[in-house]
N, C-alpha and C. Protein backbone atom coordinates (compact mmCIF):
# COMPACT_ATOMS: atom_id res chain seq x y z
N MET A 1 -23.86 10.80 -34.17
CA MET A 1 -22.64 10.99 -33.41
C MET A 1 -22.97 10.90 -31.92
N LYS A 2 -22.15 10.11 -31.20
CA LYS A 2 -22.36 9.95 -29.76
C LYS A 2 -21.81 11.15 -29.01
N LYS A 3 -22.54 11.54 -28.00
CA LYS A 3 -22.09 12.62 -27.13
C LYS A 3 -21.24 12.02 -26.02
N GLU A 4 -20.04 12.55 -25.83
CA GLU A 4 -19.18 12.03 -24.77
C GLU A 4 -19.67 12.51 -23.43
N LYS A 5 -19.62 11.60 -22.47
CA LYS A 5 -20.02 11.93 -21.11
C LYS A 5 -18.94 12.82 -20.49
N PRO A 6 -19.33 13.95 -19.92
CA PRO A 6 -18.32 14.83 -19.35
C PRO A 6 -17.65 14.18 -18.13
N THR A 7 -16.39 14.51 -17.95
CA THR A 7 -15.65 14.00 -16.79
C THR A 7 -16.17 14.68 -15.54
N LEU A 8 -16.56 13.87 -14.57
CA LEU A 8 -17.10 14.40 -13.33
C LEU A 8 -15.98 14.58 -12.31
N PRO A 9 -16.09 15.61 -11.45
CA PRO A 9 -15.09 15.76 -10.40
C PRO A 9 -15.19 14.62 -9.40
N VAL A 10 -14.04 14.18 -8.90
CA VAL A 10 -13.98 13.09 -7.93
C VAL A 10 -13.71 13.70 -6.55
N ILE A 11 -14.58 13.38 -5.60
CA ILE A 11 -14.42 13.86 -4.23
C ILE A 11 -13.79 12.72 -3.41
N GLY A 12 -12.59 12.93 -2.87
CA GLY A 12 -11.92 11.91 -2.07
C GLY A 12 -11.09 10.93 -2.87
N LYS A 13 -10.54 11.39 -3.98
CA LYS A 13 -9.76 10.52 -4.87
C LYS A 13 -8.61 9.81 -4.14
N GLU A 14 -8.00 10.47 -3.18
CA GLU A 14 -6.86 9.89 -2.45
C GLU A 14 -7.25 8.67 -1.62
N LEU A 15 -8.53 8.50 -1.34
CA LEU A 15 -8.98 7.36 -0.52
C LEU A 15 -8.95 6.04 -1.29
N ILE A 16 -9.02 6.10 -2.61
CA ILE A 16 -9.09 4.89 -3.42
C ILE A 16 -7.89 3.98 -3.18
N SER A 17 -6.70 4.55 -3.04
CA SER A 17 -5.50 3.75 -2.85
C SER A 17 -5.35 3.21 -1.43
N ARG A 18 -6.18 3.63 -0.51
CA ARG A 18 -6.08 3.20 0.89
C ARG A 18 -6.85 1.92 1.21
N PHE A 19 -7.72 1.49 0.30
CA PHE A 19 -8.56 0.32 0.57
C PHE A 19 -8.48 -0.66 -0.58
N SER A 20 -8.47 -1.96 -0.24
CA SER A 20 -8.43 -3.04 -1.23
C SER A 20 -9.37 -4.15 -0.80
N PRO A 21 -9.85 -4.95 -1.75
CA PRO A 21 -10.69 -6.09 -1.40
C PRO A 21 -9.97 -7.03 -0.43
N GLY A 22 -10.72 -7.55 0.53
CA GLY A 22 -10.17 -8.47 1.51
C GLY A 22 -9.76 -7.82 2.82
N GLU A 23 -9.73 -6.50 2.87
CA GLU A 23 -9.31 -5.81 4.08
C GLU A 23 -10.44 -5.71 5.10
N LEU A 24 -10.07 -5.76 6.36
CA LEU A 24 -11.01 -5.64 7.47
C LEU A 24 -11.19 -4.17 7.80
N VAL A 25 -12.44 -3.71 7.87
CA VAL A 25 -12.74 -2.30 8.10
C VAL A 25 -13.80 -2.16 9.19
N SER A 26 -13.88 -0.95 9.75
CA SER A 26 -14.95 -0.65 10.69
C SER A 26 -15.53 0.72 10.36
N TRP A 27 -16.74 0.97 10.84
CA TRP A 27 -17.41 2.25 10.66
C TRP A 27 -18.53 2.33 11.68
N THR A 28 -19.08 3.52 11.84
CA THR A 28 -20.19 3.73 12.75
C THR A 28 -21.43 4.05 11.93
N GLU A 29 -22.48 3.32 12.21
CA GLU A 29 -23.77 3.54 11.54
C GLU A 29 -24.74 3.96 12.63
N MET A 30 -25.10 5.24 12.60
CA MET A 30 -25.88 5.87 13.67
C MET A 30 -25.06 5.76 14.96
N ILE A 31 -25.46 4.95 15.93
CA ILE A 31 -24.67 4.83 17.16
C ILE A 31 -24.04 3.45 17.30
N HIS A 32 -24.18 2.62 16.26
CA HIS A 32 -23.67 1.25 16.31
C HIS A 32 -22.37 1.12 15.53
N ASP A 33 -21.36 0.52 16.17
CA ASP A 33 -20.11 0.22 15.48
C ASP A 33 -20.28 -1.05 14.67
N LYS A 34 -19.81 -1.02 13.43
CA LYS A 34 -19.91 -2.16 12.53
C LYS A 34 -18.52 -2.57 12.08
N THR A 35 -18.37 -3.84 11.73
CA THR A 35 -17.12 -4.38 11.21
C THR A 35 -17.44 -5.19 9.97
N GLY A 36 -16.56 -5.11 8.96
CA GLY A 36 -16.81 -5.86 7.75
C GLY A 36 -15.56 -6.08 6.93
N ILE A 37 -15.75 -6.74 5.80
CA ILE A 37 -14.66 -7.06 4.88
C ILE A 37 -14.97 -6.39 3.54
N VAL A 38 -14.00 -5.66 3.01
CA VAL A 38 -14.17 -4.98 1.72
C VAL A 38 -14.24 -6.03 0.61
N LEU A 39 -15.30 -5.98 -0.18
CA LEU A 39 -15.46 -6.90 -1.31
C LEU A 39 -15.02 -6.25 -2.62
N ASP A 40 -15.27 -4.94 -2.74
CA ASP A 40 -14.97 -4.23 -3.98
C ASP A 40 -14.87 -2.74 -3.69
N VAL A 41 -14.01 -2.05 -4.42
CA VAL A 41 -13.88 -0.59 -4.34
C VAL A 41 -14.29 -0.03 -5.70
N PHE A 42 -15.15 0.98 -5.71
CA PHE A 42 -15.66 1.52 -6.96
C PHE A 42 -16.04 2.99 -6.78
N MET A 43 -16.36 3.63 -7.90
CA MET A 43 -16.79 5.03 -7.88
C MET A 43 -18.31 5.08 -8.00
N LEU A 44 -18.95 5.90 -7.18
CA LEU A 44 -20.39 6.08 -7.20
C LEU A 44 -20.71 7.49 -7.65
N GLU A 45 -21.52 7.61 -8.71
CA GLU A 45 -21.89 8.91 -9.23
C GLU A 45 -23.12 9.42 -8.47
N SER A 46 -23.02 10.66 -7.96
CA SER A 46 -24.13 11.27 -7.24
C SER A 46 -23.99 12.78 -7.31
N GLY A 47 -25.04 13.46 -7.72
CA GLY A 47 -25.03 14.91 -7.77
C GLY A 47 -23.97 15.50 -8.67
N ASN A 48 -23.77 14.93 -9.86
CA ASN A 48 -22.76 15.39 -10.82
C ASN A 48 -21.33 15.31 -10.26
N ARG A 49 -21.10 14.39 -9.36
CA ARG A 49 -19.77 14.13 -8.81
C ARG A 49 -19.60 12.63 -8.63
N GLU A 50 -18.36 12.21 -8.47
CA GLU A 50 -18.09 10.80 -8.18
C GLU A 50 -17.46 10.68 -6.81
N PHE A 51 -17.89 9.68 -6.07
CA PHE A 51 -17.38 9.44 -4.73
C PHE A 51 -16.85 8.01 -4.64
N PRO A 52 -15.67 7.81 -4.01
CA PRO A 52 -15.16 6.45 -3.85
C PRO A 52 -15.96 5.70 -2.78
N CYS A 53 -16.40 4.51 -3.13
CA CYS A 53 -17.20 3.68 -2.23
C CYS A 53 -16.64 2.27 -2.18
N ALA A 54 -17.16 1.52 -1.23
CA ALA A 54 -16.79 0.11 -1.13
C ALA A 54 -18.03 -0.72 -0.90
N LYS A 55 -18.06 -1.87 -1.53
CA LYS A 55 -19.08 -2.87 -1.21
C LYS A 55 -18.48 -3.69 -0.08
N VAL A 56 -19.18 -3.79 1.04
CA VAL A 56 -18.64 -4.40 2.25
C VAL A 56 -19.57 -5.50 2.75
N TYR A 57 -18.99 -6.64 3.11
CA TYR A 57 -19.73 -7.69 3.81
C TYR A 57 -19.76 -7.33 5.28
N VAL A 58 -20.95 -7.19 5.85
CA VAL A 58 -21.09 -6.79 7.25
C VAL A 58 -21.04 -8.05 8.11
N MET A 59 -20.03 -8.16 8.94
CA MET A 59 -19.85 -9.33 9.79
C MET A 59 -20.91 -9.34 10.89
N GLY A 60 -21.45 -10.52 11.17
CA GLY A 60 -22.46 -10.68 12.20
C GLY A 60 -23.88 -10.41 11.71
N GLU A 61 -24.01 -9.85 10.51
CA GLU A 61 -25.34 -9.57 9.97
C GLU A 61 -25.60 -10.30 8.67
N ASP A 62 -24.56 -10.87 8.08
CA ASP A 62 -24.66 -11.63 6.83
C ASP A 62 -25.35 -10.83 5.72
N ILE A 63 -24.97 -9.55 5.59
CA ILE A 63 -25.49 -8.71 4.51
C ILE A 63 -24.32 -8.01 3.82
N ARG A 64 -24.59 -7.46 2.66
CA ARG A 64 -23.61 -6.66 1.92
C ARG A 64 -24.19 -5.26 1.77
N THR A 65 -23.34 -4.25 1.92
CA THR A 65 -23.80 -2.87 1.83
C THR A 65 -22.74 -2.02 1.15
N GLU A 66 -23.13 -0.85 0.66
CA GLU A 66 -22.20 0.08 0.04
C GLU A 66 -21.97 1.25 0.99
N ILE A 67 -20.69 1.59 1.20
CA ILE A 67 -20.31 2.63 2.16
C ILE A 67 -19.27 3.54 1.52
N LEU A 68 -19.40 4.84 1.75
CA LEU A 68 -18.38 5.78 1.29
C LEU A 68 -17.06 5.47 1.97
N LEU A 69 -15.97 5.52 1.22
CA LEU A 69 -14.65 5.22 1.79
C LEU A 69 -14.28 6.19 2.91
N SER A 70 -14.79 7.41 2.84
CA SER A 70 -14.47 8.40 3.88
C SER A 70 -15.04 8.00 5.24
N ASN A 71 -16.00 7.08 5.27
CA ASN A 71 -16.59 6.62 6.54
C ASN A 71 -15.90 5.39 7.11
N LEU A 72 -14.97 4.80 6.36
CA LEU A 72 -14.33 3.55 6.78
C LEU A 72 -13.01 3.78 7.51
N ILE A 73 -12.75 2.93 8.48
CA ILE A 73 -11.46 2.88 9.17
C ILE A 73 -10.85 1.52 8.86
N ASN A 74 -9.63 1.52 8.37
CA ASN A 74 -8.96 0.27 7.99
C ASN A 74 -8.37 -0.39 9.23
N LEU A 75 -8.80 -1.63 9.52
CA LEU A 75 -8.30 -2.36 10.68
C LEU A 75 -7.16 -3.30 10.32
N SER A 76 -7.13 -3.80 9.08
CA SER A 76 -6.02 -4.65 8.64
C SER A 76 -5.85 -4.49 7.14
N ARG A 77 -4.61 -4.56 6.70
CA ARG A 77 -4.27 -4.38 5.29
C ARG A 77 -4.00 -5.73 4.65
N VAL A 78 -4.28 -5.84 3.37
CA VAL A 78 -3.95 -7.03 2.59
C VAL A 78 -2.64 -6.75 1.89
N GLU A 79 -1.68 -7.66 2.03
CA GLU A 79 -0.38 -7.51 1.38
C GLU A 79 -0.51 -7.86 -0.09
N ASP A 80 0.19 -7.09 -0.93
CA ASP A 80 0.15 -7.33 -2.37
C ASP A 80 0.94 -8.55 -2.80
N SER A 81 2.01 -8.87 -2.09
CA SER A 81 2.85 -10.00 -2.49
C SER A 81 2.97 -10.99 -1.34
N LEU A 82 3.15 -12.26 -1.71
CA LEU A 82 3.35 -13.31 -0.72
C LEU A 82 4.83 -13.53 -0.51
N GLU A 83 5.20 -13.73 0.75
CA GLU A 83 6.61 -14.02 1.07
C GLU A 83 6.79 -15.53 1.17
N ASP A 84 7.91 -16.01 0.70
CA ASP A 84 8.21 -17.46 0.77
C ASP A 84 8.81 -17.82 2.08
């Protein structure tokens, strides 16, 4: 019989709906301001909790990194529907 994985508490659940792939975001890493594009939003398990994170393409550095959503500032939103 398989043991079910216990449900972990989610820290920052309300942030998940604020970010979508394709959106332009900024954050501060140490003393440097960074800008990037959200590639994916996902949950990261750490310390028996889950935290909302984003995989972000860092503009000007040509790298991809994972950042907690609580550290991101949304600079532009992606619209869900196209207007004719």
